[in-house]
Amino acid sequence: NEYVRTVRNKETIAFPVNVAGKELNVVVQGYESQAVTGNLLHVDLMVAQSGVEATYNIPVVPVGEAIGLKNKGLLAFHRKRVEVKAQYKDLPKSFHFDVSNLDTGNNFLVRDLELPTGVECYLDPRVPIVGVIKAKYLMFLIAGLGNPGEKYSHTRHNIGFLIIDKIVKNLSLSNNINNSNFKAIVTKSQNSLYVQPQTFMNLSGQSVLSVKNFYKIDIEK
């Protein structure tokens, strides 16, 4: 929507809003959107006060093409924003860093960031921000929970089913897996399984576990 486009295209971390005739510089601390439609529900804003140190979330922007991508790797974001403490005047718009030398299994860590003067980061220096993982061993299991039957169709109980339906439709997937042991509707893409358990909400774990074990998915990845 218009708000999201405006925020994404702004040139500074803060932007002006008018509150009761008074213009304030604010920064986005978080927002929530509707899971199915993507419509914005609410936004958390914080006033950026001059001369006051506060906590800000700065976006990260990797530059270059990691060499690990040529070795069947996949660039993975562990953090899309980094929490720092600073006065507003000292804030960078974003953290840009070169990932060209990252091979499979390598990570760009918090300690590798070049922090401007006046900006501090209290995260563990060993925390990864971006890394290259082995794509050929990676399989995602995405479960959308709900209850089977027309009675629950298009109700809040079935928000998980609706989300999976939308993803499958948007990706034009049609590879449905017929396995009665799953007790679920399972649709497969190249590296993802979209699971809709048919055991009712409270027993969904049984279906998810059977799919997870059958495909030997490592939940630690």
C-alpha atoms as a PDB file:
ATOM      1  CA  ASN A   1       0.000   0.000   0.000  1.00  0.00           C
ATOM      2  CA  GLU A   2       0.952   3.658  -0.160  1.00  0.00           C
ATOM      3  CA  TYR A   3       2.418   3.794   3.353  1.00  0.00           C
ATOM      4  CA  VAL A   4       4.739   0.810   2.836  1.00  0.00           C
ATOM      5  CA  ARG A   5       5.957   2.175  -0.522  1.00  0.00           C
ATOM      6  CA  THR A   6       6.662   5.562   1.049  1.00  0.00           C
ATOM      7  CA  VAL A   7       8.621   4.089   3.976  1.00  0.00           C
ATOM      8  CA  ARG A   8      10.669   1.779   1.746  1.00  0.00           C
ATOM      9  CA  ASN A   9      11.625   4.606  -0.600  1.00  0.00           C
ATOM     10  CA  LYS A  10      12.512   7.185   2.052  1.00  0.00           C
ATOM     11  CA  GLU A  11      16.091   8.441   2.026  1.00  0.00           C
ATOM     12  CA  THR A  12      16.574   8.647   5.809  1.00  0.00           C
ATOM     13  CA  ILE A  13      15.752   6.442   8.790  1.00  0.00           C
ATOM     14  CA  ALA A  14      13.359   9.059  10.183  1.00  0.00           C
ATOM     15  CA  PHE A  15      10.547  10.801   8.364  1.00  0.00           C
ATOM     16  CA  PRO A  16       8.131  13.595   9.342  1.00  0.00           C
ATOM     17  CA  VAL A  17       4.529  13.058  10.476  1.00  0.00           C
ATOM     18  CA  ASN A  18       1.992  15.666  11.486  1.00  0.00           C
ATOM     19  CA  VAL A  19       0.334  15.166  14.875  1.00  0.00           C
ATOM     20  CA  ALA A  20      -2.278  17.742  15.880  1.00  0.00           C
ATOM     21  CA  GLY A  21      -0.583  20.371  13.757  1.00  0.00           C
ATOM     22  CA  LYS A  22       2.897  19.602  15.081  1.00  0.00           C
ATOM     23  CA  GLU A  23       5.509  18.014  12.825  1.00  0.00           C
ATOM     24  CA  LEU A  24       7.552  15.226  14.439  1.00  0.00           C
ATOM     25  CA  ASN A  25      10.451  13.165  13.128  1.00  0.00           C
ATOM     26  CA  VAL A  26       9.658   9.477  13.707  1.00  0.00           C
ATOM     27  CA  VAL A  27      11.193   6.089  12.963  1.00  0.00           C
ATOM     28  CA  VAL A  28       9.413   2.776  12.401  1.00  0.00           C
ATOM     29  CA  GLN A  29       9.972   0.317  15.273  1.00  0.00           C
ATOM     30  CA  GLY A  30       7.693  -2.382  13.887  1.00  0.00           C
ATOM     31  CA  TYR A  31       4.490  -3.048  12.004  1.00  0.00           C
ATOM     32  CA  GLU A  32       1.891  -5.773  11.551  1.00  0.00           C
ATOM     33  CA  SER A  33       0.083  -6.742   8.364  1.00  0.00           C
ATOM     34  CA  GLN A  34      -2.880  -9.020   7.700  1.00  0.00           C
ATOM     35  CA  ALA A  35      -1.516 -12.513   7.013  1.00  0.00           C
ATOM     36  CA  VAL A  36      -3.655 -13.303   3.958  1.00  0.00           C
ATOM     37  CA  THR A  37      -4.281  -9.957   2.244  1.00  0.00           C
ATOM     38  CA  GLY A  38      -1.075  -8.203   3.299  1.00  0.00           C
ATOM     39  CA  ASN A  39      -3.043  -5.112   4.328  1.00  0.00           C
ATOM     40  CA  LEU A  40      -1.353  -2.992   6.983  1.00  0.00           C
ATOM     41  CA  LEU A  41      -2.968  -3.312  10.432  1.00  0.00           C
ATOM     42  CA  HIS A  42      -0.835  -1.022  12.599  1.00  0.00           C
ATOM     43  CA  VAL A  43       2.586   0.604  12.829  1.00  0.00           C
ATOM     44  CA  ASP A  44       4.730   1.280  15.908  1.00  0.00           C
ATOM     45  CA  LEU A  45       6.492   4.636  15.644  1.00  0.00           C
ATOM     46  CA  MET A  46       9.064   6.286  17.909  1.00  0.00           C
ATOM     47  CA  VAL A  47       9.890   9.987  17.991  1.00  0.00           C
ATOM     48  CA  ALA A  48      13.534  10.634  17.062  1.00  0.00           C
ATOM     49  CA  GLN A  49      14.530  13.252  19.623  1.00  0.00           C
ATOM     50  CA  SER A  50      17.564  15.431  19.000  1.00  0.00           C
ATOM     51  CA  GLY A  51      20.389  14.875  21.486  1.00  0.00           C
ATOM     52  CA  VAL A  52      18.819  11.729  22.982  1.00  0.00           C
ATOM     53  CA  GLU A  53      20.374   8.274  22.621  1.00  0.00           C
ATOM     54  CA  ALA A  54      17.848   5.607  21.715  1.00  0.00           C
ATOM     55  CA  THR A  55      17.662   2.148  20.175  1.00  0.00           C
ATOM     56  CA  TYR A  56      17.156   1.928  16.410  1.00  0.00           C
ATOM     57  CA  ASN A  57      16.897  -0.959  13.968  1.00  0.00           C
ATOM     58  CA  ILE A  58      19.148  -0.340  10.974  1.00  0.00           C
ATOM     59  CA  PRO A  59      18.597  -2.350   7.751  1.00  0.00           C
ATOM     60  CA  VAL A  60      21.458  -4.394   6.296  1.00  0.00           C
ATOM     61  CA  VAL A  61      22.299  -4.339   2.577  1.00  0.00           C
ATOM     62  CA  PRO A  62      24.728  -6.990   1.262  1.00  0.00           C
ATOM     63  CA  VAL A  63      26.754  -5.926  -1.761  1.00  0.00           C
ATOM     64  CA  GLY A  64      28.219  -8.200  -4.428  1.00  0.00           C
ATOM     65  CA  GLU A  65      27.619 -11.856  -5.316  1.00  0.00           C
ATOM     66  CA  ALA A  66      28.850 -14.420  -2.818  1.00  0.00           C
ATOM     67  CA  ILE A  67      31.176 -17.021  -4.339  1.00  0.00           C
ATOM     68  CA  GLY A  68      29.214 -19.659  -2.439  1.00  0.00           C
ATOM     69  CA  LEU A  69      26.278 -19.143  -4.793  1.00  0.00           C
ATOM     70  CA  LYS A  70      28.345 -20.748  -7.539  1.00  0.00           C
ATOM     71  CA  ASN A  71      28.932 -23.749  -5.268  1.00  0.00           C
ATOM     72  CA  LYS A  72      25.235 -24.591  -4.914  1.00  0.00           C
ATOM     73  CA  GLY A  73      24.880 -22.307  -1.916  1.00  0.00           C
ATOM     74  CA  LEU A  74      22.025 -20.037  -0.902  1.00  0.00           C
ATOM     75  CA  LEU A  75      22.381 -16.564   0.616  1.00  0.00           C
ATOM     76  CA  ALA A  76      20.472 -16.548   3.910  1.00  0.00           C
ATOM     77  CA  PHE A  77      19.546 -13.524   6.005  1.00  0.00           C
ATOM     78  CA  HIS A  78      19.843 -14.273   9.715  1.00  0.00           C
ATOM     79  CA  ARG A  79      19.012 -10.636  10.480  1.00  0.00           C
ATOM     80  CA  LYS A  80      17.552  -8.073   8.101  1.00  0.00           C
ATOM     81  CA  ARG A  81      18.076  -5.292  10.647  1.00  0.00           C
ATOM     82  CA  VAL A  82      20.671  -4.702  13.338  1.00  0.00           C
ATOM     83  CA  GLU A  83      19.780  -3.083  16.652  1.00  0.00           C
ATOM     84  CA  VAL A  84      22.062  -0.192  17.594  1.00  0.00           C
ATOM     85  CA  LYS A  85      22.099   2.586  20.171  1.00  0.00           C
ATOM     86  CA  ALA A  86      22.905   6.134  19.104  1.00  0.00           C
ATOM     87  CA  GLN A  87      21.680   9.665  18.705  1.00  0.00           C
ATOM     88  CA  TYR A  88      19.592  10.156  15.614  1.00  0.00           C
ATOM     89  CA  LYS A  89      22.142  12.496  14.006  1.00  0.00           C
ATOM     90  CA  ASP A  90      24.787   9.731  14.033  1.00  0.00           C
ATOM     91  CA  LEU A  91      22.653   7.009  12.448  1.00  0.00           C
ATOM     92  CA  PRO A  92      23.554   5.501   9.075  1.00  0.00           C
ATOM     93  CA  LYS A  93      20.675   4.915   6.668  1.00  0.00           C
ATOM     94  CA  SER A  94      21.779   1.281   6.387  1.00  0.00           C
ATOM     95  CA  PHE A  95      24.754  -1.046   6.817  1.00  0.00           C
ATOM     96  CA  HIS A  96      26.329  -1.934   3.463  1.00  0.00           C
ATOM     97  CA  PHE A  97      28.906  -4.707   3.395  1.00  0.00           C
ATOM     98  CA  ASP A  98      30.624  -6.832   0.758  1.00  0.00           C
ATOM     99  CA  VAL A  99      29.659 -10.525   0.678  1.00  0.00           C
ATOM    100  CA  SER A 100      31.703 -11.422  -2.422  1.00  0.00           C
ATOM    101  CA  ASN A 101      34.156 -13.590  -0.446  1.00  0.00           C
ATOM    102  CA  LEU A 102      31.509 -15.587   1.425  1.00  0.00           C
ATOM    103  CA  ASP A 103      31.661 -19.266   0.512  1.00  0.00           C
ATOM    104  CA  THR A 104      29.338 -22.067   1.602  1.00  0.00           C
ATOM    105  CA  GLY A 105      29.314 -22.247   5.390  1.00  0.00           C
ATOM    106  CA  ASN A 106      30.686 -18.717   5.862  1.00  0.00           C
ATOM    107  CA  ASN A 107      28.885 -15.898   7.648  1.00  0.00           C
ATOM    108  CA  PHE A 108      29.155 -12.134   7.969  1.00  0.00           C
ATOM    109  CA  LEU A 109      28.985 -11.478  11.725  1.00  0.00           C
ATOM    110  CA  VAL A 110      28.026  -8.538  13.922  1.00  0.00           C
ATOM    111  CA  ARG A 111      31.714  -8.022  14.733  1.00  0.00           C
ATOM    112  CA  ASP A 112      32.417  -7.514  11.021  1.00  0.00           C
ATOM    113  CA  LEU A 113      30.236  -4.391  10.875  1.00  0.00           C
ATOM    114  CA  GLU A 114      31.935  -1.023  10.552  1.00  0.00           C
ATOM    115  CA  LEU A 115      30.099   1.131  13.083  1.00  0.00           C
ATOM    116  CA  PRO A 116      30.174   4.908  12.562  1.00  0.00           C
ATOM    117  CA  THR A 117      31.405   7.133  15.379  1.00  0.00           C
ATOM    118  CA  GLY A 118      28.737   7.479  18.045  1.00  0.00           C
ATOM    119  CA  VAL A 119      26.944   4.244  17.106  1.00  0.00           C
ATOM    120  CA  GLU A 120      27.118   1.210  19.407  1.00  0.00           C
ATOM    121  CA  CYS A 121      25.818  -2.323  18.987  1.00  0.00           C
ATOM    122  CA  TYR A 122      25.299  -4.501  22.071  1.00  0.00           C
ATOM    123  CA  LEU A 123      24.509  -7.729  20.219  1.00  0.00           C
ATOM    124  CA  ASP A 124      26.869 -10.676  20.697  1.00  0.00           C
ATOM    125  CA  PRO A 125      29.741 -10.074  18.220  1.00  0.00           C
ATOM    126  CA  ARG A 126      29.430 -13.707  17.100  1.00  0.00           C
ATOM    127  CA  VAL A 127      25.823 -13.316  15.915  1.00  0.00           C
ATOM    128  CA  PRO A 128      25.573 -13.957  12.144  1.00  0.00           C
ATOM    129  CA  ILE A 129      23.840 -11.389   9.938  1.00  0.00           C
ATOM    130  CA  VAL A 130      24.129 -12.968   6.494  1.00  0.00           C
ATOM    131  CA  GLY A 131      25.568 -16.330   5.486  1.00  0.00           C
ATOM    132  CA  VAL A 132      25.777 -18.860   2.690  1.00  0.00           C
ATOM    133  CA  ILE A 133      24.157 -22.219   3.391  1.00  0.00           C
ATOM    134  CA  LYS A 134      24.126 -25.478   1.438  1.00  0.00           C
ATOM    135  CA  ALA A 135      21.013 -25.228  -0.701  1.00  0.00           C
ATOM    136  CA  LYS A 136      21.123 -28.797  -1.994  1.00  0.00           C
ATOM    137  CA  TYR A 137      20.416 -30.167   1.513  1.00  0.00           C
ATOM    138  CA  LEU A 138      17.824 -27.572   2.406  1.00  0.00           C
ATOM    139  CA  MET A 139      14.154 -28.508   2.531  1.00  0.00           C
ATOM    140  CA  PHE A 140      11.548 -26.312   4.188  1.00  0.00           C
ATOM    141  CA  LEU A 141       8.370 -27.604   5.811  1.00  0.00           C
ATOM    142  CA  ILE A 142       5.688 -24.936   6.014  1.00  0.00           C
ATOM    143  CA  ALA A 143       2.577 -25.990   7.913  1.00  0.00           C
ATOM    144  CA  GLY A 144      -0.675 -24.039   7.857  1.00  0.00           C
ATOM    145  CA  LEU A 145      -3.019 -25.156  10.613  1.00  0.00           C
ATOM    146  CA  GLY A 146      -6.792 -25.350  10.538  1.00  0.00           C
ATOM    147  CA  ASN A 147      -9.773 -27.672  10.789  1.00  0.00           C
ATOM    148  CA  PRO A 148     -11.136 -29.771   7.906  1.00  0.00           C
ATOM    149  CA  GLY A 149     -14.726 -29.497   6.752  1.00  0.00           C
ATOM    150  CA  GLU A 150     -17.026 -26.856   5.320  1.00  0.00           C
ATOM    151  CA  LYS A 151     -18.074 -25.738   8.812  1.00  0.00           C
ATOM    152  CA  TYR A 152     -14.669 -24.118   9.386  1.00  0.00           C
ATOM    153  CA  SER A 153     -14.005 -22.946   5.842  1.00  0.00           C
ATOM    154  CA  HIS A 154     -12.999 -19.255   5.645  1.00  0.00           C
ATOM    155  CA  THR A 155     -13.161 -18.774   9.414  1.00  0.00           C
ATOM    156  CA  ARG A 156     -10.433 -17.516  11.739  1.00  0.00           C
ATOM    157  CA  HIS A 157      -9.767 -21.136  12.747  1.00  0.00           C
ATOM    158  CA  ASN A 158      -8.495 -21.812   9.229  1.00  0.00           C
ATOM    159  CA  ILE A 159      -6.152 -18.875   8.718  1.00  0.00           C
ATOM    160  CA  GLY A 160      -3.278 -21.350   8.268  1.00  0.00           C
ATOM    161  CA  PHE A 161      -5.119 -23.225   5.520  1.00  0.00           C
ATOM    162  CA  LEU A 162      -5.925 -19.948   3.754  1.00  0.00           C
ATOM    163  CA  ILE A 163      -2.304 -18.822   3.800  1.00  0.00           C
ATOM    164  CA  ILE A 164      -1.082 -22.128   2.330  1.00  0.00           C
ATOM    165  CA  ASP A 165      -3.803 -21.961  -0.343  1.00  0.00           C
ATOM    166  CA  LYS A 166      -2.658 -18.480  -1.303  1.00  0.00           C
ATOM    167  CA  ILE A 167       1.025 -19.469  -1.453  1.00  0.00           C
ATOM    168  CA  VAL A 168       0.280 -22.563  -3.557  1.00  0.00           C
ATOM    169  CA  LYS A 169      -1.878 -20.504  -5.914  1.00  0.00           C
ATOM    170  CA  ASN A 170       0.669 -17.687  -6.260  1.00  0.00           C
ATOM    171  CA  LEU A 171       3.460 -20.188  -7.010  1.00  0.00           C
ATOM    172  CA  SER A 172       1.214 -22.156  -9.406  1.00  0.00           C
ATOM    173  CA  LEU A 173       2.041 -25.418  -7.625  1.00  0.00           C
ATOM    174  CA  SER A 174       0.184 -28.608  -8.498  1.00  0.00           C
ATOM    175  CA  ASN A 175       2.444 -31.369  -7.178  1.00  0.00           C
ATOM    176  CA  ASN A 176       0.130 -32.838  -4.519  1.00  0.00           C
ATOM    177  CA  ILE A 177       1.571 -35.805  -2.613  1.00  0.00           C
ATOM    178  CA  ASN A 178      -0.811 -38.686  -1.979  1.00  0.00           C
ATOM    179  CA  ASN A 179       0.277 -40.478   1.185  1.00  0.00           C
ATOM    180  CA  SER A 180      -2.424 -41.603   3.613  1.00  0.00           C
ATOM    181  CA  ASN A 181       0.097 -41.848   6.450  1.00  0.00           C
ATOM    182  CA  PHE A 182       0.503 -38.070   6.440  1.00  0.00           C
ATOM    183  CA  LYS A 183      -3.185 -37.376   7.206  1.00  0.00           C
ATOM    184  CA  ALA A 184      -2.591 -34.056   5.502  1.00  0.00           C
ATOM    185  CA  ILE A 185      -2.786 -32.254   2.187  1.00  0.00           C
ATOM    186  CA  VAL A 186       0.842 -31.865   1.099  1.00  0.00           C
ATOM    187  CA  THR A 187       1.996 -29.800  -1.866  1.00  0.00           C
ATOM    188  CA  LYS A 188       5.653 -29.907  -2.896  1.00  0.00           C
ATOM    189  CA  SER A 189       7.832 -27.362  -4.654  1.00  0.00           C
ATOM    190  CA  GLN A 190      11.515 -27.717  -5.479  1.00  0.00           C
ATOM    191  CA  ASN A 191      12.676 -27.123  -1.897  1.00  0.00           C
ATOM    192  CA  SER A 192       9.505 -26.717   0.171  1.00  0.00           C
ATOM    193  CA  LEU A 193       6.639 -28.797   1.509  1.00  0.00           C
ATOM    194  CA  TYR A 194       3.343 -27.000   2.168  1.00  0.00           C
ATOM    195  CA  VAL A 195       1.364 -28.987   4.706  1.00  0.00           C
ATOM    196  CA  GLN A 196      -2.307 -28.672   5.700  1.00  0.00           C
ATOM    197  CA  PRO A 197      -3.012 -31.224   8.471  1.00  0.00           C
ATOM    198  CA  GLN A 198      -6.433 -32.896   8.268  1.00  0.00           C
ATOM    199  CA  THR A 199      -6.488 -34.109  11.888  1.00  0.00           C
ATOM    200  CA  PHE A 200      -8.120 -31.010  13.427  1.00  0.00           C
ATOM    201  CA  MET A 201      -6.118 -28.315  15.173  1.00  0.00           C
ATOM    202  CA  ASN A 202      -5.202 -30.065  18.434  1.00  0.00           C
ATOM    203  CA  LEU A 203      -3.742 -33.087  16.631  1.00  0.00           C
ATOM    204  CA  SER A 204      -1.895 -31.184  13.903  1.00  0.00           C
ATOM    205  CA  GLY A 205       1.464 -32.198  15.355  1.00  0.00           C
ATOM    206  CA  GLN A 206       0.870 -35.811  14.345  1.00  0.00           C
ATOM    207  CA  SER A 207       0.582 -34.901  10.660  1.00  0.00           C
ATOM    208  CA  VAL A 208       3.469 -32.450  10.707  1.00  0.00           C
ATOM    209  CA  LEU A 209       5.719 -34.963  12.477  1.00  0.00           C
ATOM    210  CA  SER A 210       4.932 -37.735   9.980  1.00  0.00           C
ATOM    211  CA  VAL A 211       5.821 -35.486   7.023  1.00  0.00           C
ATOM    212  CA  LYS A 212       8.942 -34.215   8.773  1.00  0.00           C
ATOM    213  CA  ASN A 213      10.174 -37.754   9.541  1.00  0.00           C
ATOM    214  CA  PHE A 214       9.365 -39.114   6.065  1.00  0.00           C
ATOM    215  CA  TYR A 215      11.422 -36.405   4.345  1.00  0.00           C
ATOM    216  CA  LYS A 216      14.098 -36.395   7.082  1.00  0.00           C
ATOM    217  CA  ILE A 217      13.849 -32.616   7.548  1.00  0.00           C
ATOM    218  CA  ASP A 218      16.346 -31.191  10.015  1.00  0.00           C
ATOM    219  CA  ILE A 219      14.410 -28.729  12.170  1.00  0.00           C
ATOM    220  CA  GLU A 220      17.676 -27.212  13.440  1.00  0.00           C
ATOM    221  CA  LYS A 221      18.478 -25.706  10.031  1.00  0.00           C
END
